[in-house]
Full PDB file with SEQRES, HELIX, SHEET, SSBOND, CRYST1, ORIGX, SCALE, CONECT and MASTER records, all heavy atoms in Angstrom:
SEQRES   1 A   32  PRO THR TYR HIS LEU ALA SER VAL VAL ASP ASP HIS HIS          
SEQRES   2 A   32  MET GLY ILE SER HIS VAL LEU ARG GLY SER GLU TRP LEU          
SEQRES   3 A   32  VAL SER THR SER LYS HIS                                      
HELIX    1 AA1 TYR A    3  HIS A   13  1                                  11    
HELIX    2 AA2 SER A   23  TRP A   25  5                                   3    
HELIX    3 AA3 VAL A   27  THR A   29  5                                   3    
CRYST1    1.000    1.000    1.000  90.00  90.00  90.00 P 1           1          
ORIGX1      1.000000  0.000000  0.000000        0.00000                         
ORIGX2      0.000000  1.000000  0.000000        0.00000                         
ORIGX3      0.000000  0.000000  1.000000        0.00000                         
SCALE1      1.000000  0.000000  0.000000        0.00000                         
SCALE2      0.000000  1.000000  0.000000        0.00000                         
SCALE3      0.000000  0.000000  1.000000        0.00000                         
ATOM      1  N   PRO A   1      -4.201 -32.166 -36.204  1.00  0.00           N  
ATOM      2  CA  PRO A   1      -5.439 -31.452 -36.515  1.00  0.00           C  
ATOM      3  C   PRO A   1      -5.241 -29.939 -36.389  1.00  0.00           C  
ATOM      4  O   PRO A   1      -4.305 -29.468 -35.758  1.00  0.00           O  
ATOM      5  CB  PRO A   1      -6.394 -31.943 -35.432  1.00  0.00           C  
ATOM      6  CG  PRO A   1      -5.482 -32.133 -34.238  1.00  0.00           C  
ATOM      7  CD  PRO A   1      -4.185 -32.670 -34.810  1.00  0.00           C  
ATOM      8  N   THR A   2      -6.146 -29.186 -37.002  1.00  0.00           N  
ATOM      9  CA  THR A   2      -6.220 -27.753 -36.726  1.00  0.00           C  
ATOM     10  C   THR A   2      -7.106 -27.568 -35.495  1.00  0.00           C  
ATOM     11  O   THR A   2      -7.765 -28.510 -35.035  1.00  0.00           O  
ATOM     12  CB  THR A   2      -6.808 -26.992 -37.916  1.00  0.00           C  
ATOM     13  OG1 THR A   2      -8.129 -27.489 -38.176  1.00  0.00           O  
ATOM     14  CG2 THR A   2      -5.926 -27.153 -39.147  1.00  0.00           C  
ATOM     15  N   TYR A   3      -7.147 -26.343 -35.002  1.00  0.00           N  
ATOM     16  CA  TYR A   3      -7.927 -26.054 -33.789  1.00  0.00           C  
ATOM     17  C   TYR A   3      -9.385 -26.473 -33.963  1.00  0.00           C  
ATOM     18  O   TYR A   3      -9.995 -27.016 -33.040  1.00  0.00           O  
ATOM     19  CB  TYR A   3      -7.856 -24.562 -33.461  1.00  0.00           C  
ATOM     20  CG  TYR A   3      -8.761 -24.154 -32.325  1.00  0.00           C  
ATOM     21  CD1 TYR A   3      -8.383 -24.357 -31.001  1.00  0.00           C  
ATOM     22  CD2 TYR A   3     -10.013 -23.596 -32.573  1.00  0.00           C  
ATOM     23  CE1 TYR A   3      -9.227 -23.999 -29.952  1.00  0.00           C  
ATOM     24  CE2 TYR A   3     -10.858 -23.230 -31.539  1.00  0.00           C  
ATOM     25  CZ  TYR A   3     -10.461 -23.439 -30.228  1.00  0.00           C  
ATOM     26  OH  TYR A   3     -11.301 -23.088 -29.193  1.00  0.00           O  
ATOM     27  N   HIS A   4      -9.956 -26.218 -35.157  1.00  0.00           N  
ATOM     28  CA  HIS A   4     -11.388 -26.440 -35.358  1.00  0.00           C  
ATOM     29  C   HIS A   4     -11.770 -27.896 -35.095  1.00  0.00           C  
ATOM     30  O   HIS A   4     -12.706 -28.175 -34.339  1.00  0.00           O  
ATOM     31  CB  HIS A   4     -11.784 -26.019 -36.772  1.00  0.00           C  
ATOM     32  CG  HIS A   4     -11.357 -24.630 -37.114  1.00  0.00           C  
ATOM     33  ND1 HIS A   4     -11.841 -23.527 -36.435  1.00  0.00           N  
ATOM     34  CD2 HIS A   4     -10.481 -24.153 -38.039  1.00  0.00           C  
ATOM     35  CE1 HIS A   4     -11.279 -22.434 -36.940  1.00  0.00           C  
ATOM     36  NE2 HIS A   4     -10.451 -22.785 -37.898  1.00  0.00           N  
ATOM     37  N   LEU A   5     -11.051 -28.818 -35.708  1.00  0.00           N  
ATOM     38  CA  LEU A   5     -11.376 -30.234 -35.510  1.00  0.00           C  
ATOM     39  C   LEU A   5     -11.005 -30.679 -34.095  1.00  0.00           C  
ATOM     40  O   LEU A   5     -11.796 -31.357 -33.427  1.00  0.00           O  
ATOM     41  CB  LEU A   5     -10.643 -31.101 -36.535  1.00  0.00           C  
ATOM     42  CG  LEU A   5     -10.916 -32.612 -36.409  1.00  0.00           C  
ATOM     43  CD1 LEU A   5     -12.365 -32.932 -36.748  1.00  0.00           C  
ATOM     44  CD2 LEU A   5      -9.969 -33.418 -37.293  1.00  0.00           C  
ATOM     45  N   ALA A   6      -9.813 -30.306 -33.641  1.00  0.00           N  
ATOM     46  CA  ALA A   6      -9.325 -30.783 -32.342  1.00  0.00           C  
ATOM     47  C   ALA A   6     -10.240 -30.353 -31.206  1.00  0.00           C  
ATOM     48  O   ALA A   6     -10.565 -31.150 -30.315  1.00  0.00           O  
ATOM     49  CB  ALA A   6      -7.909 -30.289 -32.105  1.00  0.00           C  
ATOM     50  N   SER A   7     -10.676 -29.103 -31.214  1.00  0.00           N  
ATOM     51  CA  SER A   7     -11.505 -28.627 -30.107  1.00  0.00           C  
ATOM     52  C   SER A   7     -12.862 -29.319 -30.099  1.00  0.00           C  
ATOM     53  O   SER A   7     -13.383 -29.680 -29.032  1.00  0.00           O  
ATOM     54  CB  SER A   7     -11.680 -27.102 -30.184  1.00  0.00           C  
ATOM     55  OG  SER A   7     -12.392 -26.725 -31.348  1.00  0.00           O  
ATOM     56  N   VAL A   8     -13.429 -29.533 -31.285  1.00  0.00           N  
ATOM     57  CA  VAL A   8     -14.726 -30.214 -31.366  1.00  0.00           C  
ATOM     58  C   VAL A   8     -14.602 -31.664 -30.899  1.00  0.00           C  
ATOM     59  O   VAL A   8     -15.404 -32.147 -30.083  1.00  0.00           O  
ATOM     60  CB  VAL A   8     -15.280 -30.140 -32.805  1.00  0.00           C  
ATOM     61  CG1 VAL A   8     -16.451 -31.107 -32.994  1.00  0.00           C  
ATOM     62  CG2 VAL A   8     -15.719 -28.714 -33.129  1.00  0.00           C  
ATOM     63  N   VAL A   9     -13.619 -32.372 -31.424  1.00  0.00           N  
ATOM     64  CA  VAL A   9     -13.427 -33.781 -31.055  1.00  0.00           C  
ATOM     65  C   VAL A   9     -13.159 -33.920 -29.559  1.00  0.00           C  
ATOM     66  O   VAL A   9     -13.759 -34.761 -28.877  1.00  0.00           O  
ATOM     67  CB  VAL A   9     -12.281 -34.400 -31.881  1.00  0.00           C  
ATOM     68  CG1 VAL A   9     -11.901 -35.775 -31.338  1.00  0.00           C  
ATOM     69  CG2 VAL A   9     -12.684 -34.510 -33.348  1.00  0.00           C  
ATOM     70  N   ASP A  10     -12.264 -33.091 -29.040  1.00  0.00           N  
ATOM     71  CA  ASP A  10     -11.903 -33.219 -27.628  1.00  0.00           C  
ATOM     72  C   ASP A  10     -13.044 -32.811 -26.703  1.00  0.00           C  
ATOM     73  O   ASP A  10     -13.276 -33.447 -25.672  1.00  0.00           O  
ATOM     74  CB  ASP A  10     -10.656 -32.387 -27.327  1.00  0.00           C  
ATOM     75  CG  ASP A  10      -9.390 -33.014 -27.894  1.00  0.00           C  
ATOM     76  OD1 ASP A  10      -9.427 -34.221 -28.184  1.00  0.00           O  
ATOM     77  OD2 ASP A  10      -8.391 -32.304 -28.050  1.00  0.00           O  
ATOM     78  N   ASP A  11     -13.751 -31.733 -27.036  1.00  0.00           N  
ATOM     79  CA  ASP A  11     -14.875 -31.330 -26.187  1.00  0.00           C  
ATOM     80  C   ASP A  11     -15.946 -32.420 -26.156  1.00  0.00           C  
ATOM     81  O   ASP A  11     -16.558 -32.676 -25.113  1.00  0.00           O  
ATOM     82  CB  ASP A  11     -15.480 -30.011 -26.685  1.00  0.00           C  
ATOM     83  CG  ASP A  11     -14.584 -28.813 -26.393  1.00  0.00           C  
ATOM     84  OD1 ASP A  11     -13.665 -28.949 -25.560  1.00  0.00           O  
ATOM     85  OD2 ASP A  11     -14.808 -27.740 -26.991  1.00  0.00           O  
ATOM     86  N   HIS A  12     -16.135 -33.084 -27.289  1.00  0.00           N  
ATOM     87  CA  HIS A  12     -17.110 -34.182 -27.335  1.00  0.00           C  
ATOM     88  C   HIS A  12     -16.654 -35.366 -26.477  1.00  0.00           C  
ATOM     89  O   HIS A  12     -17.393 -35.843 -25.613  1.00  0.00           O  
ATOM     90  CB  HIS A  12     -17.316 -34.644 -28.783  1.00  0.00           C  
ATOM     91  CG  HIS A  12     -18.108 -35.909 -28.892  1.00  0.00           C  
ATOM     92  ND1 HIS A  12     -19.460 -35.974 -28.643  1.00  0.00           N  
ATOM     93  CD2 HIS A  12     -17.719 -37.177 -29.214  1.00  0.00           C  
ATOM     94  CE1 HIS A  12     -19.880 -37.213 -28.804  1.00  0.00           C  
ATOM     95  NE2 HIS A  12     -18.846 -37.976 -29.154  1.00  0.00           N  
ATOM     96  N   HIS A  13     -15.443 -35.834 -26.724  1.00  0.00           N  
ATOM     97  CA  HIS A  13     -14.970 -37.031 -26.008  1.00  0.00           C  
ATOM     98  C   HIS A  13     -14.699 -36.766 -24.527  1.00  0.00           C  
ATOM     99  O   HIS A  13     -14.722 -37.707 -23.728  1.00  0.00           O  
ATOM    100  CB  HIS A  13     -13.723 -37.590 -26.680  1.00  0.00           C  
ATOM    101  CG  HIS A  13     -14.012 -38.302 -27.969  1.00  0.00           C  
ATOM    102  ND1 HIS A  13     -14.737 -39.467 -28.039  1.00  0.00           N  
ATOM    103  CD2 HIS A  13     -13.694 -38.006 -29.260  1.00  0.00           C  
ATOM    104  CE1 HIS A  13     -14.853 -39.865 -29.289  1.00  0.00           C  
ATOM    105  NE2 HIS A  13     -14.225 -38.981 -30.060  1.00  0.00           N  
ATOM    106  N   MET A  14     -14.441 -35.535 -24.173  1.00  0.00           N  
ATOM    107  CA  MET A  14     -14.208 -35.206 -22.759  1.00  0.00           C  
ATOM    108  C   MET A  14     -15.502 -34.843 -22.041  1.00  0.00           C  
ATOM    109  O   MET A  14     -15.477 -34.500 -20.865  1.00  0.00           O  
ATOM    110  CB  MET A  14     -13.195 -34.080 -22.645  1.00  0.00           C  
ATOM    111  CG  MET A  14     -11.788 -34.493 -23.034  1.00  0.00           C  
ATOM    112  SD  MET A  14     -10.583 -33.153 -22.795  1.00  0.00           S  
ATOM    113  CE  MET A  14      -9.040 -34.043 -23.131  1.00  0.00           C  
ATOM    114  N   GLY A  15     -16.614 -34.894 -22.763  1.00  0.00           N  
ATOM    115  CA  GLY A  15     -17.902 -34.642 -22.115  1.00  0.00           C  
ATOM    116  C   GLY A  15     -18.071 -33.206 -21.660  1.00  0.00           C  
ATOM    117  O   GLY A  15     -18.741 -32.953 -20.648  1.00  0.00           O  
ATOM    118  N   ILE A  16     -17.481 -32.260 -22.394  1.00  0.00           N  
ATOM    119  CA  ILE A  16     -17.564 -30.852 -21.996  1.00  0.00           C  
ATOM    120  C   ILE A  16     -19.003 -30.361 -22.165  1.00  0.00           C  
ATOM    121  O   ILE A  16     -19.593 -30.476 -23.248  1.00  0.00           O  
ATOM    122  CB  ILE A  16     -16.597 -29.987 -22.836  1.00  0.00           C  
ATOM    123  CG1 ILE A  16     -15.148 -30.460 -22.640  1.00  0.00           C  
ATOM    124  CG2 ILE A  16     -16.737 -28.517 -22.481  1.00  0.00           C  
ATOM    125  CD1 ILE A  16     -14.653 -30.449 -21.208  1.00  0.00           C  
ATOM    126  N   SER A  17     -19.561 -29.811 -21.109  1.00  0.00           N  
ATOM    127  CA  SER A  17     -20.954 -29.345 -21.147  1.00  0.00           C  
ATOM    128  C   SER A  17     -21.058 -27.881 -21.532  1.00  0.00           C  
ATOM    129  O   SER A  17     -22.045 -27.454 -22.133  1.00  0.00           O  
ATOM    130  CB  SER A  17     -21.616 -29.560 -19.779  1.00  0.00           C  
ATOM    131  OG  SER A  17     -20.956 -28.782 -18.775  1.00  0.00           O  
ATOM    132  N   HIS A  18     -20.054 -27.087 -21.142  1.00  0.00           N  
ATOM    133  CA  HIS A  18     -20.058 -25.652 -21.414  1.00  0.00           C  
ATOM    134  C   HIS A  18     -18.662 -25.229 -21.862  1.00  0.00           C  
ATOM    135  O   HIS A  18     -17.672 -25.573 -21.213  1.00  0.00           O  
ATOM    136  CB  HIS A  18     -20.441 -24.844 -20.173  1.00  0.00           C  
ATOM    137  CG  HIS A  18     -21.827 -25.122 -19.674  1.00  0.00           C  
ATOM    138  ND1 HIS A  18     -22.135 -26.273 -18.974  1.00  0.00           N  
ATOM    139  CD2 HIS A  18     -22.979 -24.395 -19.774  1.00  0.00           C  
ATOM    140  CE1 HIS A  18     -23.434 -26.240 -18.658  1.00  0.00           C  
ATOM    141  NE2 HIS A  18     -23.961 -25.117 -19.131  1.00  0.00           N  
ATOM    142  N   VAL A  19     -18.602 -24.481 -22.951  1.00  0.00           N  
ATOM    143  CA  VAL A  19     -17.330 -23.941 -23.428  1.00  0.00           C  
ATOM    144  C   VAL A  19     -17.305 -22.448 -23.116  1.00  0.00           C  
ATOM    145  O   VAL A  19     -18.053 -21.671 -23.703  1.00  0.00           O  
ATOM    146  CB  VAL A  19     -17.152 -24.180 -24.940  1.00  0.00           C  
ATOM    147  CG1 VAL A  19     -15.922 -23.440 -25.451  1.00  0.00           C  
ATOM    148  CG2 VAL A  19     -17.034 -25.671 -25.229  1.00  0.00           C  
ATOM    149  N   LEU A  20     -16.466 -22.068 -22.168  1.00  0.00           N  
ATOM    150  CA  LEU A  20     -16.254 -20.660 -21.821  1.00  0.00           C  
ATOM    151  C   LEU A  20     -14.886 -20.282 -22.372  1.00  0.00           C  
ATOM    152  O   LEU A  20     -13.862 -20.725 -21.861  1.00  0.00           O  
ATOM    153  CB  LEU A  20     -16.287 -20.452 -20.302  1.00  0.00           C  
ATOM    154  CG  LEU A  20     -17.654 -20.351 -19.616  1.00  0.00           C  
ATOM    155  CD1 LEU A  20     -18.438 -21.662 -19.739  1.00  0.00           C  
ATOM    156  CD2 LEU A  20     -17.479 -19.995 -18.137  1.00  0.00           C  
ATOM    157  N   ARG A  21     -14.878 -19.504 -23.446  1.00  0.00           N  
ATOM    158  CA  ARG A  21     -13.618 -19.150 -24.084  1.00  0.00           C  
ATOM    159  C   ARG A  21     -13.669 -17.696 -24.559  1.00  0.00           C  
ATOM    160  O   ARG A  21     -14.711 -17.050 -24.504  1.00  0.00           O  
ATOM    161  CB  ARG A  21     -13.327 -20.100 -25.259  1.00  0.00           C  
ATOM    162  CG  ARG A  21     -14.357 -20.062 -26.380  1.00  0.00           C  
ATOM    163  CD  ARG A  21     -14.060 -21.113 -27.439  1.00  0.00           C  
ATOM    164  NE  ARG A  21     -15.095 -21.140 -28.488  1.00  0.00           N  
ATOM    165  CZ  ARG A  21     -15.162 -22.045 -29.442  1.00  0.00           C  
ATOM    166  NH1 ARG A  21     -14.256 -23.018 -29.503  1.00  0.00           N  
ATOM    167  NH2 ARG A  21     -16.125 -22.011 -30.351  1.00  0.00           N  
ATOM    168  N   GLY A  22     -12.543 -17.201 -25.036  1.00  0.00           N  
ATOM    169  CA  GLY A  22     -12.440 -15.812 -25.449  1.00  0.00           C  
ATOM    170  C   GLY A  22     -13.345 -15.468 -26.624  1.00  0.00           C  
ATOM    171  O   GLY A  22     -13.630 -16.315 -27.483  1.00  0.00           O  
ATOM    172  N   SER A  23     -13.785 -14.216 -26.676  1.00  0.00           N  
ATOM    173  CA  SER A  23     -14.723 -13.782 -27.711  1.00  0.00           C  
ATOM    174  C   SER A  23     -14.117 -13.823 -29.106  1.00  0.00           C  
ATOM    175  O   SER A  23     -14.846 -13.757 -30.102  1.00  0.00           O  
ATOM    176  CB  SER A  23     -15.216 -12.366 -27.408  1.00  0.00           C  
ATOM    177  OG  SER A  23     -14.120 -11.461 -27.339  1.00  0.00           O  
ATOM    178  N   GLU A  24     -12.784 -13.966 -29.215  1.00  0.00           N  
ATOM    179  CA  GLU A  24     -12.176 -14.045 -30.538  1.00  0.00           C  
ATOM    180  C   GLU A  24     -12.609 -15.315 -31.284  1.00  0.00           C  
ATOM    181  O   GLU A  24     -12.460 -15.405 -32.505  1.00  0.00           O  
ATOM    182  CB  GLU A  24     -10.645 -13.995 -30.443  1.00  0.00           C  
ATOM    183  CG  GLU A  24      -9.986 -15.178 -29.773  1.00  0.00           C  
ATOM    184  CD  GLU A  24      -9.802 -15.010 -28.265  1.00  0.00           C  
ATOM    185  OE1 GLU A  24     -10.578 -14.235 -27.666  1.00  0.00           O  
ATOM    186  OE2 GLU A  24      -8.895 -15.654 -27.693  1.00  0.00           O  
ATOM    187  N   TRP A  25     -13.162 -16.300 -30.544  1.00  0.00           N  
ATOM    188  CA  TRP A  25     -13.624 -17.548 -31.172  1.00  0.00           C  
ATOM    189  C   TRP A  25     -15.110 -17.523 -31.500  1.00  0.00           C  
ATOM    190  O   TRP A  25     -15.647 -18.515 -32.012  1.00  0.00           O  
ATOM    191  CB  TRP A  25     -13.318 -18.745 -30.263  1.00  0.00           C  
ATOM    192  CG  TRP A  25     -11.853 -18.990 -30.092  1.00  0.00           C  
ATOM    193  CD1 TRP A  25     -11.102 -18.780 -28.981  1.00  0.00           C  
ATOM    194  CD2 TRP A  25     -10.952 -19.464 -31.100  1.00  0.00           C  
ATOM    195  NE1 TRP A  25      -9.784 -19.088 -29.215  1.00  0.00           N  
ATOM    196  CE2 TRP A  25      -9.659 -19.519 -30.519  1.00  0.00           C  
ATOM    197  CE3 TRP A  25     -11.101 -19.857 -32.429  1.00  0.00           C  
ATOM    198  CZ2 TRP A  25      -8.535 -19.944 -31.214  1.00  0.00           C  
ATOM    199  CZ3 TRP A  25      -9.976 -20.276 -33.137  1.00  0.00           C  
ATOM    200  CH2 TRP A  25      -8.720 -20.312 -32.528  1.00  0.00           C  
ATOM    201  N   LEU A  26     -15.787 -16.414 -31.245  1.00  0.00           N  
ATOM    202  CA  LEU A  26     -17.229 -16.339 -31.488  1.00  0.00           C  
ATOM    203  C   LEU A  26     -17.566 -16.581 -32.959  1.00  0.00           C  
ATOM    204  O   LEU A  26     -18.488 -17.339 -33.285  1.00  0.00           O  
ATOM    205  CB  LEU A  26     -17.753 -14.966 -31.036  1.00  0.00           C  
ATOM    206  CG  LEU A  26     -19.264 -14.737 -31.150  1.00  0.00           C  
ATOM    207  CD1 LEU A  26     -20.020 -15.713 -30.264  1.00  0.00           C  
ATOM    208  CD2 LEU A  26     -19.617 -13.294 -30.765  1.00  0.00           C  
ATOM    209  N   VAL A  27     -16.808 -15.967 -33.863  1.00  0.00           N  
ATOM    210  CA  VAL A  27     -17.071 -16.101 -35.300  1.00  0.00           C  
ATOM    211  C   VAL A  27     -16.861 -17.540 -35.770  1.00  0.00           C  
ATOM    212  O   VAL A  27     -17.536 -18.015 -36.684  1.00  0.00           O  
ATOM    213  CB  VAL A  27     -16.177 -15.127 -36.099  1.00  0.00           C  
ATOM    214  CG1 VAL A  27     -16.324 -15.343 -37.590  1.00  0.00           C  
ATOM    215  CG2 VAL A  27     -16.519 -13.682 -35.743  1.00  0.00           C  
ATOM    216  N   SER A  28     -15.937 -18.248 -35.139  1.00  0.00           N  
ATOM    217  CA  SER A  28     -15.634 -19.630 -35.549  1.00  0.00           C  
ATOM    218  C   SER A  28     -16.668 -20.633 -35.047  1.00  0.00           C  
ATOM    219  O   SER A  28     -16.683 -21.785 -35.494  1.00  0.00           O  
ATOM    220  CB  SER A  28     -14.251 -20.043 -35.031  1.00  0.00           C  
ATOM    221  OG  SER A  28     -13.240 -19.265 -35.617  1.00  0.00           O  
ATOM    222  N   THR A  29     -17.528 -20.215 -34.130  1.00  0.00           N  
ATOM    223  CA  THR A  29     -18.437 -21.176 -33.502  1.00  0.00           C  
ATOM    224  C   THR A  29     -19.414 -21.783 -34.508  1.00  0.00           C  
ATOM    225  O   THR A  29     -19.748 -22.968 -34.430  1.00  0.00           O  
ATOM    226  CB  THR A  29     -19.188 -20.506 -32.332  1.00  0.00           C  
ATOM    227  OG1 THR A  29     -18.233 -19.972 -31.416  1.00  0.00           O  
ATOM    228  CG2 THR A  29     -20.050 -21.517 -31.593  1.00  0.00           C  
ATOM    229  N   SER A  30     -19.879 -20.981 -35.481  1.00  0.00           N  
ATOM    230  CA  SER A  30     -20.782 -21.540 -36.501  1.00  0.00           C  
ATOM    231  C   SER A  30     -20.089 -22.676 -37.261  1.00  0.00           C  
ATOM    232  O   SER A  30     -20.690 -23.702 -37.589  1.00  0.00           O  
ATOM    233  CB  SER A  30     -21.208 -20.443 -37.478  1.00  0.00           C  
ATOM    234  OG  SER A  30     -22.078 -19.524 -36.826  1.00  0.00           O  
ATOM    235  N   LYS A  31     -18.809 -22.490 -37.553  1.00  0.00           N  
ATOM    236  CA  LYS A  31     -18.017 -23.523 -38.220  1.00  0.00           C  
ATOM    237  C   LYS A  31     -17.945 -24.782 -37.337  1.00  0.00           C  
ATOM    238  O   LYS A  31     -18.074 -25.921 -37.824  1.00  0.00           O  
ATOM    239  CB  LYS A  31     -16.613 -22.970 -38.485  1.00  0.00           C  
ATOM    240  CG  LYS A  31     -15.758 -23.787 -39.425  1.00  0.00           C  
ATOM    241  CD  LYS A  31     -14.349 -23.213 -39.507  1.00  0.00           C  
ATOM    242  CE  LYS A  31     -14.358 -21.729 -39.836  1.00  0.00           C  
ATOM    243  NZ  LYS A  31     -12.986 -21.165 -39.909  1.00  0.00           N  
ATOM    244  N   HIS A  32     -17.747 -24.574 -36.049  1.00  0.00           N  
ATOM    245  CA  HIS A  32     -17.657 -25.712 -35.134  1.00  0.00           C  
ATOM    246  C   HIS A  32     -19.002 -26.432 -35.030  1.00  0.00           C  
ATOM    247  O   HIS A  32     -19.054 -27.668 -34.941  1.00  0.00           O  
ATOM    248  CB  HIS A  32     -17.179 -25.235 -33.763  1.00  0.00           C  
ATOM    249  CG  HIS A  32     -15.821 -24.622 -33.803  1.00  0.00           C  
ATOM    250  ND1 HIS A  32     -15.312 -23.837 -32.789  1.00  0.00           N  
ATOM    251  CD2 HIS A  32     -14.855 -24.657 -34.756  1.00  0.00           C  
ATOM    252  CE1 HIS A  32     -14.097 -23.424 -33.125  1.00  0.00           C  
ATOM    253  NE2 HIS A  32     -13.808 -23.911 -34.308  1.00  0.00           N  
TER     254      HIS A  32                                                      
MASTER        0    0    0    3    0    0    0    6  253    1    0    3          
END                                                                             
């Protein structure tokens, strides 16, 4: 997978409640 799919799938299946990550991913969040 690319980062976009992998991060969404893994955060969902791992039950992640809050994503604290670098601001460089802010623009990609709408896509996620």
